[in-house]
Amino acid sequence: MEIYHQYVRQRKHFGRHPKFIDEGAEMLADIRPNEEHASECVPRNPTVTVTQCVPEMSEHEANTIAVMFANKAISHVEGGWPKDVDYAEAEHTIRYRKKIEKDEDYIRTVVQLGSAIEYLVKQNNAIDIYEEYFAGFATDHSAEVPSARTVTVFKDPSNIKRGVSSVNWDPDSSSR
């Protein structure tokens, strides 16, 4: 006796609603308990079991538009000046600063920022930054001899000289 049922449908019948019919109960298998196995049973109370016969899987796909990337750099020496002001000329910058400092919007903005800064200064004055809060917790590093060694020299392929913003390494393995 087979314990599975294969359901086959033609492609032209896909999408149609099924028609169910009430029928009587039908016995497919009659398996009687084995007395030898019953003696080997060990009752456990309480028993909590979770069973999953199918491996957990997930599928996801997304169609995205291909994006072309290009590396670009900028040399930011001094910015924020209008095009007609040469930042290298001290006279031009002094003249422009005096012109802006006379503006009503500049004065109002400085007054608003002054009140915000005053609040932060008062907040910092509430804490004594020179007090030693952790006296007696000094760690002794005299047993360790300070040392440093050059492992790698990083070279920048760009013609423009620029500083390093971040270097990360993993001390456990060199393969990362």
Protein backbone atom coordinates (compact mmCIF):
# COMPACT_ATOMS: atom_id res chain seq x y z
CA MET A 1 0.00 0.00 0.00
CA GLU A 2 1.41 3.40 -0.96
CA ILE A 3 1.36 6.22 1.61
CA TYR A 4 1.61 9.10 -0.83
CA HIS A 5 -0.67 10.57 -3.44
CA GLN A 6 0.61 12.28 -6.57
CA TYR A 7 -1.60 15.07 -7.81
CA VAL A 8 -1.10 15.88 -11.50
CA ARG A 9 -2.75 18.76 -13.33
CA GLN A 10 -2.50 20.07 -16.83
CA ARG A 11 -1.17 23.60 -17.27
CA LYS A 12 -4.42 24.84 -18.81
CA HIS A 13 -6.29 24.07 -15.55
CA PHE A 14 -4.00 26.26 -13.37
CA GLY A 15 -5.72 29.20 -11.70
CA ARG A 16 -9.19 27.69 -11.53
CA HIS A 17 -10.93 27.27 -8.18
CA PRO A 18 -11.03 23.72 -6.78
CA LYS A 19 -14.34 21.95 -6.34
CA PHE A 20 -14.49 20.04 -3.04
CA ILE A 21 -16.97 17.23 -2.44
CA ASP A 22 -18.06 15.82 0.94
CA GLU A 23 -17.24 12.12 1.23
CA GLY A 24 -17.18 9.62 4.03
CA ALA A 25 -14.08 8.74 6.06
CA GLU A 26 -11.63 6.27 4.52
CA MET A 27 -9.05 4.20 6.46
CA LEU A 28 -5.69 4.43 4.70
CA ALA A 29 -3.54 2.50 7.23
CA ASP A 30 -4.20 0.46 10.39
CA ILE A 31 -1.00 0.17 12.45
CA ARG A 32 -1.39 -1.61 15.80
CA PRO A 33 0.90 -0.79 18.79
CA ASN A 34 3.79 -3.15 19.53
CA GLU A 35 3.84 -4.38 23.15
CA GLU A 36 7.64 -4.80 23.15
CA HIS A 37 8.12 -1.13 22.32
CA ALA A 38 5.64 -0.09 25.03
CA SER A 39 7.87 -1.58 27.75
CA GLU A 40 10.83 0.54 26.54
CA CYS A 41 8.85 3.78 26.84
CA VAL A 42 10.07 6.15 29.58
CA PRO A 43 7.41 8.70 30.60
CA ARG A 44 8.72 12.21 31.23
CA ASN A 45 6.72 14.97 32.79
CA PRO A 46 6.72 17.77 31.71
CA THR A 47 7.96 17.33 28.15
CA VAL A 48 8.36 20.17 25.70
CA THR A 49 9.58 19.32 22.22
CA VAL A 50 9.86 21.41 19.11
CA THR A 51 10.31 19.55 15.86
CA GLN A 52 10.94 20.95 12.41
CA CYS A 53 11.44 18.36 9.69
CA VAL A 54 12.11 20.90 6.95
CA PRO A 55 15.32 22.97 6.98
CA GLU A 56 14.73 26.68 7.43
CA MET A 57 15.30 28.52 4.18
CA SER A 58 14.75 31.99 2.89
CA GLU A 59 14.74 33.42 -0.59
CA HIS A 60 14.93 37.03 -1.65
CA GLU A 61 15.76 38.70 -4.89
CA ALA A 62 15.79 42.30 -5.98
CA ASN A 63 16.34 43.91 -9.35
CA THR A 64 18.37 47.06 -8.87
CA ILE A 65 19.64 49.58 -11.32
CA ALA A 66 23.36 49.33 -11.99
CA VAL A 67 25.18 52.36 -10.60
CA MET A 68 28.48 53.60 -11.97
CA PHE A 69 30.87 54.87 -9.28
CA ALA A 70 33.77 57.25 -9.71
CA ASN A 71 36.37 58.32 -7.16
CA LYS A 72 36.80 62.08 -6.89
CA ALA A 73 38.86 64.18 -4.51
CA ILE A 74 38.89 67.82 -3.49
CA SER A 75 41.64 69.96 -2.03
CA HIS A 76 39.91 72.05 0.64
CA VAL A 77 42.39 74.75 1.62
CA GLU A 78 39.97 77.45 2.74
CA GLY A 79 36.35 77.76 1.74
CA GLY A 80 33.19 79.68 2.36
CA TRP A 81 34.33 82.84 0.57
CA PRO A 82 32.40 84.36 -2.33
CA LYS A 83 33.97 84.14 -5.78
CA ASP A 84 34.90 87.86 -5.83
CA VAL A 85 36.91 87.55 -2.56
CA ASP A 86 40.45 86.20 -2.87
CA TYR A 87 41.10 84.34 0.41
CA ALA A 88 44.85 84.57 -0.13
CA GLU A 89 44.71 88.40 0.06
CA ALA A 90 44.42 89.62 3.66
CA GLU A 91 42.86 92.97 2.60
CA HIS A 92 40.03 91.24 0.73
CA THR A 93 39.15 88.98 3.67
CA ILE A 94 39.30 91.83 6.26
CA ARG A 95 37.08 94.03 4.07
CA TYR A 96 34.55 91.21 3.58
CA ARG A 97 34.47 90.38 7.33
CA LYS A 98 33.78 94.04 8.24
CA LYS A 99 30.98 94.15 5.68
CA ILE A 100 29.35 90.99 7.10
CA GLU A 101 29.79 92.06 10.76
CA LYS A 102 27.71 95.20 10.07
CA ASP A 103 24.79 93.14 8.74
CA GLU A 104 21.70 92.97 11.01
CA ASP A 105 21.20 89.22 10.42
CA TYR A 106 24.78 88.53 11.52
CA ILE A 107 24.30 90.47 14.77
CA ARG A 108 21.01 88.70 15.53
CA THR A 109 22.55 85.28 14.80
CA VAL A 110 25.54 85.95 17.07
CA VAL A 111 23.22 87.02 19.91
CA GLN A 112 21.16 83.81 19.51
CA LEU A 113 24.28 81.63 19.45
CA GLY A 114 25.65 83.51 22.46
CA SER A 115 22.68 82.52 24.62
CA ALA A 116 23.04 78.85 23.59
CA ILE A 117 26.78 78.89 24.30
CA GLU A 118 26.19 80.61 27.66
CA TYR A 119 23.95 77.70 28.72
CA LEU A 120 26.64 75.16 27.76
CA VAL A 121 29.39 77.11 29.52
CA LYS A 122 27.32 77.25 32.71
CA GLN A 123 26.71 73.52 32.42
CA ASN A 124 30.48 72.88 32.15
CA ASN A 125 31.17 75.15 35.12
CA ALA A 126 28.92 72.97 37.27
CA ILE A 127 31.51 70.19 36.93
CA ASP A 128 35.01 70.75 38.23
CA ILE A 129 37.07 69.52 35.29
CA TYR A 130 40.31 69.75 37.28
CA GLU A 131 39.11 67.62 40.21
CA GLU A 132 40.62 64.15 40.40
CA TYR A 133 37.57 61.92 40.73
CA PHE A 134 39.42 58.60 40.59
CA ALA A 135 42.32 59.12 42.99
CA GLY A 136 43.85 55.84 44.09
CA PHE A 137 42.96 54.00 40.88
CA ALA A 138 46.27 54.73 39.16
CA THR A 139 47.48 51.76 37.16
CA ASP A 140 51.14 50.89 37.14
CA HIS A 141 52.46 50.26 33.64
CA SER A 142 56.12 50.24 34.61
CA ALA A 143 56.40 46.46 34.07
CA GLU A 144 55.50 46.88 30.42
CA VAL A 145 58.25 48.31 28.25
CA PRO A 146 56.72 50.69 25.69
CA SER A 147 57.56 49.62 22.17
CA ALA A 148 56.43 50.21 18.63
CA ARG A 149 57.40 48.67 15.33
CA THR A 150 56.54 49.39 11.72
CA VAL A 151 54.56 46.54 10.20
CA THR A 152 53.29 48.15 7.01
CA VAL A 153 53.76 51.44 5.19
CA PHE A 154 50.62 52.64 3.43
CA LYS A 155 51.15 54.59 0.20
CA ASP A 156 48.49 56.91 -1.22
CA PRO A 157 48.14 56.49 -5.01
CA SER A 158 46.69 60.01 -5.36
CA ASN A 159 48.88 62.88 -6.49
CA ILE A 160 47.17 65.17 -3.97
CA LYS A 161 48.71 64.90 -0.51
CA ARG A 162 46.06 64.11 2.12
CA GLY A 163 46.00 62.85 5.68
CA VAL A 164 44.79 59.50 6.95
CA SER A 165 41.23 59.60 8.30
CA SER A 166 40.96 56.02 9.57
CA VAL A 167 43.09 52.86 9.84
CA ASN A 168 41.54 49.63 11.15
CA TRP A 169 43.21 46.32 11.95
CA ASP A 170 42.41 43.06 13.67
CA PRO A 171 45.05 42.00 16.21
CA ASP A 172 43.81 38.36 16.30
CA SER A 173 44.39 37.37 12.70
CA SER A 174 46.19 38.92 9.79
CA SER A 175 43.87 37.40 7.19
CA ARG A 176 41.15 40.05 7.58
